[in-house]
Amino acid sequence: MPISEAKALGKPLLIAELPYAHETVGTYDKVSFIDPFDAMGLANKMKSIMDGKFKFSGAVTTSPGLPFVSDWRELLMLLTASQ
């Protein structure tokens, strides 16, 4: 299941620690990031989840620095502002 759909359904997530992942997850309590090359670590975390013993680390989105804009209108204003 895609990350955004699983998150919308409130599912617990174990996500590969890769560049895209934190941005895709955003802010979410039931997530932990894992080493994508550590199969035993993944297996242990999955078992811990099934046993009800796993504690998710969670994720918090940080706002990007300037020159960040949140929509097309802001982008147009930024690009056409006189210096």
N, C-alpha and C. Protein backbone atom coordinates (compact mmCIF):
# COMPACT_ATOMS: atom_id res chain seq x y z
N MET A 1 0.84 -1.16 0.00
CA MET A 1 0.00 0.00 0.00
C MET A 1 0.90 1.24 0.00
N PRO A 2 0.57 2.24 -0.81
CA PRO A 2 1.36 3.47 -0.82
C PRO A 2 1.38 4.15 0.55
N ILE A 3 2.45 4.85 0.83
CA ILE A 3 2.64 5.51 2.12
C ILE A 3 1.48 6.44 2.44
N SER A 4 1.09 7.28 1.50
CA SER A 4 0.03 8.27 1.77
C SER A 4 -1.30 7.59 2.09
N GLU A 5 -1.61 6.49 1.42
CA GLU A 5 -2.86 5.78 1.69
C GLU A 5 -2.82 5.10 3.04
N ALA A 6 -1.70 4.45 3.37
CA ALA A 6 -1.56 3.79 4.67
C ALA A 6 -1.67 4.80 5.79
N LYS A 7 -1.05 5.95 5.61
CA LYS A 7 -1.10 7.02 6.62
C LYS A 7 -2.54 7.51 6.78
N ALA A 8 -3.25 7.72 5.68
CA ALA A 8 -4.64 8.19 5.74
C ALA A 8 -5.54 7.21 6.48
N LEU A 9 -5.21 5.92 6.43
CA LEU A 9 -5.99 4.89 7.11
C LEU A 9 -5.51 4.64 8.54
N GLY A 10 -4.48 5.37 8.98
CA GLY A 10 -3.97 5.23 10.34
C GLY A 10 -3.18 3.97 10.58
N LYS A 11 -2.61 3.40 9.52
CA LYS A 11 -1.84 2.16 9.64
C LYS A 11 -0.45 2.44 10.19
N PRO A 12 0.12 1.48 10.93
CA PRO A 12 1.52 1.62 11.36
C PRO A 12 2.44 1.47 10.15
N LEU A 13 3.52 2.22 10.14
CA LEU A 13 4.42 2.21 8.99
C LEU A 13 5.86 1.95 9.40
N LEU A 14 6.49 1.04 8.70
CA LEU A 14 7.94 0.87 8.72
C LEU A 14 8.41 1.29 7.34
N ILE A 15 9.16 2.36 7.28
CA ILE A 15 9.53 2.97 6.00
C ILE A 15 11.05 2.95 5.84
N ALA A 16 11.49 2.62 4.63
CA ALA A 16 12.92 2.62 4.33
C ALA A 16 13.50 4.01 4.54
N GLU A 17 14.63 4.07 5.18
CA GLU A 17 15.35 5.33 5.42
C GLU A 17 16.02 5.74 4.12
N LEU A 18 15.23 6.37 3.26
CA LEU A 18 15.70 6.83 1.95
C LEU A 18 15.28 8.29 1.78
N PRO A 19 15.95 9.03 0.88
CA PRO A 19 15.72 10.47 0.76
C PRO A 19 14.25 10.90 0.61
N TYR A 20 13.46 10.17 -0.15
CA TYR A 20 12.08 10.58 -0.39
C TYR A 20 11.16 10.37 0.82
N ALA A 21 11.53 9.46 1.70
CA ALA A 21 10.61 8.93 2.70
C ALA A 21 10.10 9.95 3.70
N HIS A 22 10.97 10.78 4.25
CA HIS A 22 10.53 11.73 5.28
C HIS A 22 9.55 12.75 4.71
N GLU A 23 9.80 13.22 3.51
CA GLU A 23 8.89 14.16 2.87
C GLU A 23 7.54 13.50 2.61
N THR A 24 7.56 12.26 2.16
CA THR A 24 6.32 11.54 1.85
C THR A 24 5.50 11.28 3.10
N VAL A 25 6.16 10.89 4.18
CA VAL A 25 5.46 10.60 5.44
C VAL A 25 4.94 11.87 6.08
N GLY A 26 5.74 12.93 6.07
CA GLY A 26 5.33 14.16 6.73
C GLY A 26 5.33 13.98 8.24
N THR A 27 4.30 14.52 8.90
CA THR A 27 4.17 14.39 10.34
C THR A 27 3.23 13.22 10.63
N TYR A 28 3.72 12.26 11.40
CA TYR A 28 2.92 11.05 11.67
C TYR A 28 3.50 10.32 12.87
N ASP A 29 2.63 9.90 13.78
CA ASP A 29 3.09 9.25 15.01
C ASP A 29 3.46 7.78 14.83
N LYS A 30 2.71 7.06 14.00
CA LYS A 30 2.89 5.61 13.90
C LYS A 30 3.83 5.24 12.75
N VAL A 31 5.04 5.78 12.79
CA VAL A 31 6.04 5.47 11.76
C VAL A 31 7.41 5.33 12.41
N SER A 32 8.19 4.44 11.84
CA SER A 32 9.61 4.33 12.15
C SER A 32 10.34 4.07 10.85
N PHE A 33 11.54 4.59 10.75
CA PHE A 33 12.34 4.43 9.55
C PHE A 33 13.35 3.31 9.78
N ILE A 34 13.57 2.51 8.74
CA ILE A 34 14.42 1.33 8.85
C ILE A 34 15.51 1.35 7.80
N ASP A 35 16.59 0.65 8.09
CA ASP A 35 17.68 0.45 7.13
C ASP A 35 17.16 -0.49 6.04
N PRO A 36 17.10 -0.04 4.79
CA PRO A 36 16.54 -0.89 3.73
C PRO A 36 17.39 -2.11 3.40
N PHE A 37 18.59 -2.19 3.96
CA PHE A 37 19.48 -3.32 3.68
C PHE A 37 19.61 -4.27 4.87
N ASP A 38 18.82 -4.07 5.91
CA ASP A 38 18.89 -4.88 7.11
C ASP A 38 17.63 -5.74 7.25
N ALA A 39 17.63 -6.90 6.59
CA ALA A 39 16.46 -7.78 6.60
C ALA A 39 16.13 -8.30 7.99
N MET A 40 17.15 -8.62 8.77
CA MET A 40 16.91 -9.12 10.13
C MET A 40 16.34 -8.02 11.04
N GLY A 41 16.84 -6.83 10.87
CA GLY A 41 16.30 -5.70 11.64
C GLY A 41 14.83 -5.48 11.33
N LEU A 42 14.47 -5.56 10.05
CA LEU A 42 13.08 -5.43 9.64
C LEU A 42 12.24 -6.54 10.25
N ALA A 43 12.72 -7.78 10.16
CA ALA A 43 11.98 -8.92 10.72
C ALA A 43 11.76 -8.74 12.22
N ASN A 44 12.78 -8.29 12.93
CA ASN A 44 12.66 -8.09 14.38
C ASN A 44 11.65 -6.99 14.71
N LYS A 45 11.65 -5.92 13.94
CA LYS A 45 10.70 -4.84 14.18
C LYS A 45 9.28 -5.29 13.87
N MET A 46 9.11 -6.06 12.81
CA MET A 46 7.78 -6.57 12.46
C MET A 46 7.25 -7.49 13.56
N LYS A 47 8.11 -8.35 14.08
CA LYS A 47 7.70 -9.24 15.16
C LYS A 47 7.34 -8.45 16.40
N SER A 48 8.12 -7.42 16.71
CA SER A 48 7.85 -6.58 17.86
C SER A 48 6.50 -5.87 17.71
N ILE A 49 6.17 -5.44 16.50
CA ILE A 49 4.86 -4.81 16.25
C ILE A 49 3.75 -5.83 16.50
N MET A 50 3.91 -7.03 15.97
CA MET A 50 2.89 -8.07 16.13
C MET A 50 2.72 -8.44 17.61
N ASP A 51 3.78 -8.37 18.38
CA ASP A 51 3.73 -8.70 19.81
C ASP A 51 3.22 -7.52 20.65
N GLY A 52 3.00 -6.36 20.00
CA GLY A 52 2.52 -5.18 20.71
C GLY A 52 3.57 -4.49 21.56
N LYS A 53 4.84 -4.74 21.28
CA LYS A 53 5.94 -4.19 22.09
C LYS A 53 6.71 -3.07 21.40
N PHE A 54 6.44 -2.83 20.15
CA PHE A 54 7.22 -1.87 19.39
C PHE A 54 6.80 -0.44 19.70
N LYS A 55 7.74 0.45 19.83
CA LYS A 55 7.49 1.87 20.03
C LYS A 55 7.92 2.62 18.77
N PHE A 56 6.97 3.22 18.09
CA PHE A 56 7.27 3.98 16.88
C PHE A 56 7.98 5.28 17.25
N SER A 57 8.95 5.67 16.43
CA SER A 57 9.70 6.89 16.70
C SER A 57 8.92 8.13 16.27
N GLY A 58 8.04 7.99 15.28
CA GLY A 58 7.27 9.12 14.78
C GLY A 58 8.11 10.01 13.87
N ALA A 59 7.43 10.90 13.19
CA ALA A 59 8.10 11.83 12.28
C ALA A 59 7.41 13.18 12.35
N VAL A 60 8.20 14.23 12.24
CA VAL A 60 7.67 15.59 12.25
C VAL A 60 8.22 16.30 11.02
N THR A 61 7.33 16.92 10.28
CA THR A 61 7.73 17.68 9.09
C THR A 61 8.33 19.01 9.51
N THR A 62 9.40 19.37 8.87
CA THR A 62 9.97 20.70 9.08
C THR A 62 9.73 21.53 7.83
N SER A 63 9.48 22.79 8.03
CA SER A 63 9.24 23.67 6.88
C SER A 63 10.54 23.94 6.15
N PRO A 64 10.50 23.91 4.82
CA PRO A 64 11.71 24.24 4.07
C PRO A 64 12.02 25.72 4.20
N GLY A 65 13.28 26.04 4.00
CA GLY A 65 13.71 27.43 4.09
C GLY A 65 13.33 28.23 2.85
N LEU A 66 13.52 29.51 2.93
CA LEU A 66 13.25 30.38 1.78
C LEU A 66 14.23 30.07 0.66
N PRO A 67 13.86 30.18 -0.56
CA PRO A 67 12.64 30.75 -1.10
C PRO A 67 11.56 29.69 -1.34
N PHE A 68 10.86 29.29 -0.31
CA PHE A 68 9.78 28.32 -0.41
C PHE A 68 8.46 29.05 -0.59
N VAL A 69 7.63 28.51 -1.47
CA VAL A 69 6.26 29.02 -1.64
C VAL A 69 5.31 27.84 -1.58
N SER A 70 4.10 28.09 -1.13
CA SER A 70 3.15 26.99 -0.94
C SER A 70 2.17 26.82 -2.08
N ASP A 71 2.13 27.76 -3.02
CA ASP A 71 1.20 27.61 -4.15
C ASP A 71 1.69 28.43 -5.34
N TRP A 72 0.97 28.28 -6.44
CA TRP A 72 1.37 28.93 -7.69
C TRP A 72 1.31 30.45 -7.59
N ARG A 73 0.31 30.96 -6.88
CA ARG A 73 0.18 32.42 -6.74
C ARG A 73 1.41 33.00 -6.04
N GLU A 74 1.81 32.36 -4.94
CA GLU A 74 3.00 32.83 -4.22
C GLU A 74 4.25 32.75 -5.10
N LEU A 75 4.34 31.71 -5.91
CA LEU A 75 5.49 31.57 -6.81
C LEU A 75 5.51 32.71 -7.82
N LEU A 76 4.37 33.00 -8.40
CA LEU A 76 4.28 34.10 -9.36
C LEU A 76 4.68 35.42 -8.71
N MET A 77 4.20 35.64 -7.49
CA MET A 77 4.55 36.89 -6.78
C MET A 77 6.06 36.95 -6.50
N LEU A 78 6.63 35.83 -6.13
CA LEU A 78 8.08 35.79 -5.84
C LEU A 78 8.88 36.07 -7.11
N LEU A 79 8.48 35.45 -8.20
CA LEU A 79 9.23 35.60 -9.45
C LEU A 79 9.08 36.97 -10.09
N THR A 80 7.96 37.64 -9.84
CA THR A 80 7.73 38.93 -10.49
C THR A 80 7.98 40.12 -9.57
N ALA A 81 8.38 39.85 -8.33
CA ALA A 81 8.65 40.96 -7.40
C ALA A 81 9.85 41.76 -7.89
N SER A 82 9.72 43.08 -7.83
CA SER A 82 10.84 43.92 -8.25
C SER A 82 11.89 43.95 -7.15
N GLN A 83 13.11 43.96 -7.55
CA GLN A 83 14.24 43.91 -6.60
C GLN A 83 14.64 45.28 -6.19
